[in-house]
Amino acid sequence: MQKLTQLLLIFILAFSSNALFATSNVNDTAINIIQLPINYSKERTDLSIEYLKNRHGITQSTPVIKPVMIVLHFTDGGTIKSIHDYFNSPTIEDSRAINKRVSALNVGSQFLIDRDGKIYQLMPDNYLARHAIGLNYCAIGVENIGSDKNPLTEEQVIANAGLVRHLAKKYKIEYLIGHSEYTAFKNTALWKETDPKYITYKSDPGKKFMEGVRALTKDLNLKSNP
């Protein structure tokens, strides 16, 4: 009996060590970010500076932001190429009337993640991208190829968690939210939108996806609400 107990103890210790080693590898693995820049032209720069002033009440000469938040999204379809091409235009399309009413600046994000987990960077991570009303001046946007009908993958969960870790080392990130959660910040100090009626309601990227990313980044102690 004593020998069996000793063997069991050795097995438990070995299993715990392997689990700890695996977790450490997930946390410390360097991520590969593929550069796929959109055209951050003079027109887009000027529109971004105008957006900061008109939408957020911030007057400055560059589109540089100070990130404290990461917002995860899904694209509602498309491919890396089609989403890149869509974001590449500096101006928003006419069909998005609600958005165009307040600014001609096109939507976009700093990062785009494919279904296999490959991470693409579309612009400098501290340049303004239009992806979350009221929060663009302080938020990094991460789009994921997928939709409600085509849910995001486990590879994307892992890739997003890795990217969050990377960005949390680079910036003083305090919040990690899904696009569907951004309206919780209205009427807080972080919310900067000059038109109180300008708001849209979103479902992306999904509760299960956010739970997965948060589980892999729990040790960072990032907040999910104000």
Protein backbone atom coordinates (compact mmCIF):
# COMPACT_ATOMS: atom_id res chain seq x y z
CA MET A 1 0.00 0.00 0.00
CA GLN A 2 2.83 2.39 0.90
CA LYS A 3 4.52 1.71 -2.44
CA LEU A 4 1.28 2.35 -4.32
CA THR A 5 0.84 5.65 -2.48
CA GLN A 6 4.37 6.70 -3.39
CA LEU A 7 3.78 5.87 -7.07
CA LEU A 8 0.54 7.83 -7.05
CA LEU A 9 2.30 10.83 -5.50
CA ILE A 10 5.04 10.69 -8.14
CA PHE A 11 2.38 10.56 -10.90
CA ILE A 12 0.52 13.58 -9.46
CA LEU A 13 3.71 15.62 -9.17
CA ALA A 14 4.77 14.72 -12.70
CA PHE A 15 1.34 15.61 -14.11
CA SER A 16 1.30 18.93 -12.22
CA SER A 17 4.78 19.82 -13.51
CA ASN A 18 3.80 19.05 -17.09
CA ALA A 19 0.61 21.10 -16.77
CA LEU A 20 2.56 24.02 -15.33
CA PHE A 21 5.15 23.76 -18.12
CA ALA A 22 2.39 23.68 -20.76
CA THR A 23 0.69 26.75 -19.26
CA SER A 24 4.01 28.57 -19.15
CA ASN A 25 4.59 27.78 -22.81
CA VAL A 26 1.15 29.16 -23.76
CA ASN A 27 1.83 32.33 -21.79
CA ASP A 28 5.38 32.92 -23.00
CA THR A 29 5.25 31.79 -26.63
CA ALA A 30 6.25 34.58 -29.01
CA ILE A 31 3.56 35.35 -31.54
CA ASN A 32 4.05 35.86 -35.25
CA ILE A 33 2.43 39.04 -36.55
CA ILE A 34 2.23 39.32 -40.34
CA GLN A 35 2.42 42.87 -41.65
CA LEU A 36 -0.41 43.60 -44.09
CA PRO A 37 -0.81 47.38 -43.92
CA ILE A 38 -3.76 49.24 -45.32
CA ASN A 39 -3.09 52.60 -46.92
CA TYR A 40 -2.97 55.03 -44.00
CA SER A 41 -2.84 57.89 -46.47
CA LYS A 42 -2.87 61.64 -45.88
CA GLU A 43 -6.63 61.56 -46.44
CA ARG A 44 -7.11 58.86 -43.83
CA THR A 45 -4.76 60.67 -41.45
CA ASP A 46 -6.67 63.94 -41.84
CA LEU A 47 -10.03 62.16 -41.38
CA SER A 48 -8.70 60.39 -38.27
CA ILE A 49 -7.52 63.66 -36.73
CA GLU A 50 -10.89 65.19 -37.59
CA TYR A 51 -12.64 62.18 -36.03
CA LEU A 52 -10.69 62.60 -32.79
CA LYS A 53 -11.74 66.24 -32.63
CA ASN A 54 -15.39 65.96 -33.71
CA ARG A 55 -16.32 62.65 -32.12
CA HIS A 56 -14.08 62.54 -29.04
CA GLY A 57 -13.40 66.21 -28.39
CA ILE A 58 -9.64 65.64 -28.66
CA THR A 59 -7.57 68.15 -30.64
CA GLN A 60 -4.13 66.97 -31.77
CA SER A 61 -1.96 66.99 -34.89
CA THR A 62 -1.53 63.21 -35.29
CA PRO A 63 -3.82 60.14 -35.23
CA VAL A 64 -1.80 58.56 -32.39
CA ILE A 65 -3.80 57.09 -29.48
CA LYS A 66 -2.88 55.91 -25.96
CA PRO A 67 -4.37 52.42 -25.68
CA VAL A 68 -5.85 51.25 -22.40
CA MET A 69 -8.37 48.85 -23.90
CA ILE A 70 -8.57 46.00 -26.42
CA VAL A 71 -11.87 45.36 -28.23
CA LEU A 72 -12.39 42.00 -29.94
CA HIS A 73 -14.73 41.74 -32.95
CA PHE A 74 -15.78 39.42 -35.73
CA THR A 75 -16.08 40.53 -39.34
CA ASP A 76 -19.48 38.94 -40.08
CA GLY A 77 -18.00 37.10 -43.05
CA GLY A 78 -15.36 37.73 -45.67
CA THR A 79 -11.74 36.72 -46.03
CA ILE A 80 -8.43 38.32 -45.10
CA LYS A 81 -8.21 39.79 -48.62
CA SER A 82 -11.79 41.08 -48.80
CA ILE A 83 -11.70 42.64 -45.33
CA HIS A 84 -8.28 44.19 -46.02
CA ASP A 85 -9.60 45.62 -49.28
CA TYR A 86 -12.71 46.94 -47.51
CA PHE A 87 -10.69 48.67 -44.78
CA ASN A 88 -8.18 50.01 -47.31
CA SER A 89 -10.49 52.81 -48.48
CA PRO A 90 -10.10 55.93 -46.32
CA THR A 91 -13.80 56.76 -46.61
CA ILE A 92 -16.83 54.80 -45.46
CA GLU A 93 -19.34 53.47 -47.98
CA ASP A 94 -22.67 55.25 -48.54
CA SER A 95 -24.73 52.24 -47.39
CA ARG A 96 -23.52 52.73 -43.80
CA ALA A 97 -25.65 55.83 -43.41
CA ILE A 98 -25.68 55.94 -39.59
CA ASN A 99 -21.90 55.90 -39.46
CA LYS A 100 -21.37 58.21 -42.43
CA ARG A 101 -23.68 60.81 -40.90
CA VAL A 102 -21.13 61.54 -38.18
CA SER A 103 -17.87 61.00 -40.10
CA ALA A 104 -16.58 60.09 -43.55
CA LEU A 105 -13.74 58.06 -42.00
CA ASN A 106 -13.90 54.38 -42.90
CA VAL A 107 -14.13 51.67 -40.28
CA GLY A 108 -11.07 49.58 -39.58
CA SER A 109 -8.97 47.82 -36.96
CA GLN A 110 -5.35 47.57 -36.03
CA PHE A 111 -5.34 43.76 -36.29
CA LEU A 112 -7.14 41.06 -38.28
CA ILE A 113 -7.03 37.35 -37.38
CA ASP A 114 -7.79 34.53 -39.81
CA ARG A 115 -9.64 31.34 -38.94
CA ASP A 116 -6.37 29.40 -38.71
CA GLY A 117 -5.07 31.82 -36.08
CA LYS A 118 -2.73 33.83 -38.30
CA ILE A 119 -2.46 37.40 -37.07
CA TYR A 120 -2.24 40.32 -39.51
CA GLN A 121 -1.39 43.89 -38.54
CA LEU A 122 -3.13 46.49 -40.69
CA MET A 123 -1.74 49.70 -39.20
CA PRO A 124 0.46 50.84 -36.31
CA ASP A 125 -1.19 49.60 -33.13
CA ASN A 126 -1.22 53.12 -31.66
CA TYR A 127 -2.92 54.74 -34.67
CA LEU A 128 -6.64 55.45 -34.50
CA ALA A 129 -8.96 52.93 -36.10
CA ARG A 130 -12.73 53.39 -36.21
CA HIS A 131 -14.17 50.25 -34.63
CA ALA A 132 -15.90 51.10 -31.32
CA ILE A 133 -18.04 54.21 -30.86
CA GLY A 134 -16.96 56.38 -27.94
CA LEU A 135 -13.75 54.45 -27.32
CA ASN A 136 -11.62 54.62 -30.47
CA TYR A 137 -9.28 57.19 -28.92
CA CYS A 138 -8.12 54.62 -26.32
CA ALA A 139 -8.90 51.21 -27.83
CA ILE A 140 -7.05 48.74 -30.05
CA GLY A 141 -9.41 46.82 -32.33
CA VAL A 142 -8.94 43.15 -33.26
CA GLU A 143 -11.17 41.79 -36.02
CA ASN A 144 -11.62 38.03 -36.51
CA ILE A 145 -12.82 36.36 -39.71
CA GLY A 146 -16.15 34.78 -38.76
CA SER A 147 -19.82 35.39 -37.97
CA ASP A 148 -22.75 34.13 -35.91
CA LYS A 149 -23.31 31.44 -38.53
CA ASN A 150 -19.60 30.67 -38.83
CA PRO A 151 -18.38 30.84 -35.20
CA LEU A 152 -14.82 31.76 -34.39
CA THR A 153 -12.34 28.91 -34.01
CA GLU A 154 -10.21 27.57 -31.19
CA GLU A 155 -7.16 28.72 -33.18
CA GLN A 156 -8.57 32.25 -33.08
CA VAL A 157 -9.16 32.02 -29.33
CA ILE A 158 -5.49 31.10 -28.81
CA ALA A 159 -4.26 33.75 -31.27
CA ASN A 160 -6.34 36.50 -29.65
CA ALA A 161 -5.08 35.53 -26.21
CA GLY A 162 -1.49 35.66 -27.46
CA LEU A 163 -2.04 39.04 -29.07
CA VAL A 164 -3.66 40.40 -25.91
CA ARG A 165 -0.61 39.30 -23.92
CA HIS A 166 1.71 40.92 -26.45
CA LEU A 167 -0.18 44.22 -26.33
CA ALA A 168 -0.50 44.16 -22.54
CA LYS A 169 3.30 44.03 -22.32
CA LYS A 170 3.63 46.96 -24.71
CA TYR A 171 0.89 49.24 -23.34
CA LYS A 172 -0.86 49.85 -20.03
CA ILE A 173 -3.93 47.84 -21.02
CA GLU A 174 -6.65 47.82 -18.35
CA TYR A 175 -9.67 46.47 -20.22
CA LEU A 176 -10.44 43.53 -22.51
CA ILE A 177 -13.94 43.57 -23.97
CA GLY A 178 -15.99 42.19 -26.82
CA HIS A 179 -17.65 44.58 -29.27
CA SER A 180 -21.04 43.60 -27.84
CA GLU A 181 -19.91 44.91 -24.43
CA TYR A 182 -18.75 48.41 -25.43
CA THR A 183 -22.05 50.17 -24.61
CA ALA A 184 -21.48 49.43 -20.90
CA PHE A 185 -18.91 52.24 -20.95
CA LYS A 186 -21.43 54.90 -21.92
CA ASN A 187 -21.82 57.52 -19.17
CA THR A 188 -18.38 56.70 -17.76
CA ALA A 189 -15.18 58.75 -17.81
CA LEU A 190 -13.77 56.59 -20.61
CA TRP A 191 -16.67 57.25 -22.99
CA LYS A 192 -15.95 60.14 -25.33
CA GLU A 193 -18.66 60.60 -27.97
CA THR A 194 -19.97 64.10 -28.58
CA ASP A 195 -23.37 62.90 -29.86
CA PRO A 196 -25.28 61.04 -27.13
CA LYS A 197 -27.62 59.56 -29.73
CA TYR A 198 -24.83 58.02 -31.81
CA ILE A 199 -24.70 54.38 -30.73
CA THR A 200 -25.17 50.96 -32.33
CA TYR A 201 -25.73 47.55 -30.73
CA LYS A 202 -23.57 44.57 -31.60
CA SER A 203 -23.46 40.81 -30.90
CA ASP A 204 -19.85 40.06 -31.81
CA PRO A 205 -17.62 38.25 -31.18
CA GLY A 206 -19.80 36.03 -28.97
CA LYS A 207 -19.97 35.06 -25.30
CA LYS A 208 -18.24 31.68 -25.68
CA PHE A 209 -15.34 33.24 -27.58
CA MET A 210 -14.82 35.93 -24.97
CA GLU A 211 -14.92 33.33 -22.19
CA GLY A 212 -12.19 31.38 -23.99
CA VAL A 213 -9.89 34.37 -24.46
CA ARG A 214 -10.45 35.54 -20.89
CA ALA A 215 -9.66 32.08 -19.52
CA LEU A 216 -6.27 32.18 -21.27
CA THR A 217 -5.49 35.71 -20.07
CA LYS A 218 -6.97 35.53 -16.57
CA ASP A 219 -3.62 36.19 -14.90
CA LEU A 220 -3.43 39.63 -16.58
CA ASN A 221 -6.39 40.80 -14.45
CA LEU A 222 -7.91 42.80 -17.30
CA LYS A 223 -11.31 44.33 -16.56
CA SER A 224 -14.38 43.51 -18.67
CA ASN A 225 -16.55 46.41 -17.52
CA PRO A 226 -16.17 49.94 -16.11
